Amino acid sequence: MKEESLIGGGQIDLLLLASLRRRRLHGYGIIQELRSDGRFELPEGTVYPALYRLERLGLIRSRTEIVGGRQRRVYELTVPGHRAVTERRKSWRRLVAGMDAVLGRA
């Protein structure tokens, strides 16, 4: 079973926000970064709507840049986005610890 089948929208948002924590990326760059270790094969139809939602929420912002003569929308975290990554990582760690505790008893 692929790992992405186990994740929901909240985790996808966290993956996208975390991808932008170190540097600005265009949408396809984010997808490539998530695919780079072979774990998350998220389709564009999942990633782009999530990026638009995160932008509407003010957690990321985008701007159009010309790269190699082509126009690309580049995304970056906002200050609230940086805070959201920190808080969501803490929540994720609590969830994982709880799951490990329950699964360890199974």
Protein backbone atom coordinates (compact mmCIF):
# COMPACT_ATOMS: atom_id res chain seq x y z
CA MET A 1 0.00 0.00 0.00
CA LYS A 2 1.37 3.41 -0.94
CA GLU A 3 1.88 5.79 1.96
CA GLU A 4 -0.17 8.59 0.39
CA SER A 5 -3.28 6.41 0.64
CA LEU A 6 -2.91 6.71 4.42
CA ILE A 7 -2.73 10.49 4.52
CA GLY A 8 -5.53 13.01 4.46
CA GLY A 9 -5.81 16.68 3.62
CA GLY A 10 -4.23 17.89 6.85
CA GLN A 11 -1.14 15.80 6.29
CA ILE A 12 -0.92 16.88 2.65
CA ASP A 13 -1.03 20.50 3.79
CA LEU A 14 1.77 19.79 6.27
CA LEU A 15 3.88 18.13 3.55
CA LEU A 16 3.40 21.14 1.25
CA LEU A 17 4.16 23.67 3.97
CA ALA A 18 7.24 21.74 5.09
CA SER A 19 8.48 21.59 1.49
CA LEU A 20 8.42 25.39 1.41
CA ARG A 21 10.12 25.84 4.76
CA ARG A 22 13.65 25.97 3.34
CA ARG A 23 13.08 27.74 0.02
CA ARG A 24 10.60 29.04 -2.52
CA LEU A 25 9.41 26.49 -5.08
CA HIS A 26 7.06 26.33 -8.03
CA GLY A 27 4.28 23.74 -7.91
CA TYR A 28 6.07 21.12 -9.97
CA GLY A 29 9.20 21.64 -7.85
CA ILE A 30 7.16 20.83 -4.75
CA ILE A 31 5.81 17.68 -6.40
CA GLN A 32 9.33 16.63 -7.41
CA GLU A 33 10.66 17.23 -3.91
CA LEU A 34 7.92 15.06 -2.41
CA ARG A 35 8.62 12.36 -4.97
CA SER A 36 12.39 12.54 -4.55
CA ASP A 37 12.62 9.79 -1.95
CA GLY A 38 9.98 7.68 -3.69
CA ARG A 39 7.44 7.93 -0.90
CA PHE A 40 4.81 10.44 -1.97
CA GLU A 41 3.48 10.20 -5.50
CA LEU A 42 0.90 12.94 -5.05
CA PRO A 43 -0.94 13.83 -8.25
CA GLU A 44 -1.06 17.40 -9.50
CA GLY A 45 -4.83 17.29 -9.01
CA THR A 46 -4.21 16.94 -5.28
CA VAL A 47 -1.28 19.31 -4.89
CA TYR A 48 -2.48 22.39 -6.78
CA PRO A 49 -5.90 22.70 -5.10
CA ALA A 50 -4.14 22.35 -1.73
CA LEU A 51 -1.68 25.10 -2.69
CA TYR A 52 -4.56 27.39 -3.70
CA ARG A 53 -6.33 26.66 -0.40
CA LEU A 54 -3.16 27.36 1.64
CA GLU A 55 -2.75 30.63 -0.23
CA ARG A 56 -6.35 31.65 0.50
CA LEU A 57 -5.69 30.87 4.17
CA GLY A 58 -2.67 33.18 4.13
CA LEU A 59 -0.18 30.41 4.96
CA ILE A 60 1.66 30.75 1.65
CA ARG A 61 1.90 33.42 -1.02
CA SER A 62 2.77 33.16 -4.66
CA ARG A 63 4.15 35.34 -7.37
CA THR A 64 4.80 34.86 -11.03
CA GLU A 65 8.41 34.64 -12.16
CA ILE A 66 10.01 34.09 -15.54
CA VAL A 67 12.35 31.09 -15.42
CA GLY A 68 14.11 30.02 -18.61
CA GLY A 69 11.73 32.16 -20.64
CA ARG A 70 8.70 30.46 -19.09
CA GLN A 71 6.25 31.92 -16.64
CA ARG A 72 5.97 30.02 -13.34
CA ARG A 73 4.07 30.60 -10.14
CA VAL A 74 6.50 30.37 -7.23
CA TYR A 75 5.24 29.71 -3.69
CA GLU A 76 6.74 30.69 -0.35
CA LEU A 77 5.69 30.53 3.28
CA THR A 78 4.29 33.56 5.04
CA VAL A 79 4.99 34.29 8.71
CA PRO A 80 1.72 32.55 9.69
CA GLY A 81 2.78 29.68 7.42
CA HIS A 82 6.03 29.24 9.33
CA ARG A 83 4.06 29.15 12.59
CA ALA A 84 1.61 26.66 11.10
CA VAL A 85 4.43 24.27 10.12
CA THR A 86 5.78 24.34 13.67
CA GLU A 87 2.37 23.73 15.25
CA ARG A 88 1.31 21.06 12.76
CA ARG A 89 4.60 19.20 13.22
CA LYS A 90 3.97 19.12 16.97
CA SER A 91 0.45 17.81 16.38
CA TRP A 92 1.78 15.20 13.94
CA ARG A 93 4.35 13.98 16.47
CA ARG A 94 1.64 13.63 19.14
CA LEU A 95 -0.51 11.66 16.71
CA VAL A 96 2.38 9.36 15.77
CA ALA A 97 3.25 8.77 19.43
CA GLY A 98 -0.37 7.88 20.16
CA MET A 99 -0.59 5.57 17.16
CA ASP A 100 2.67 3.87 18.15
CA ALA A 101 1.33 3.32 21.66
CA VAL A 102 -1.89 1.75 20.39
CA LEU A 103 -0.26 -0.29 17.62
CA GLY A 104 2.43 -1.50 20.00
CA ARG A 105 -0.31 -3.14 22.07
CA ALA A 106 -1.91 -4.81 19.04
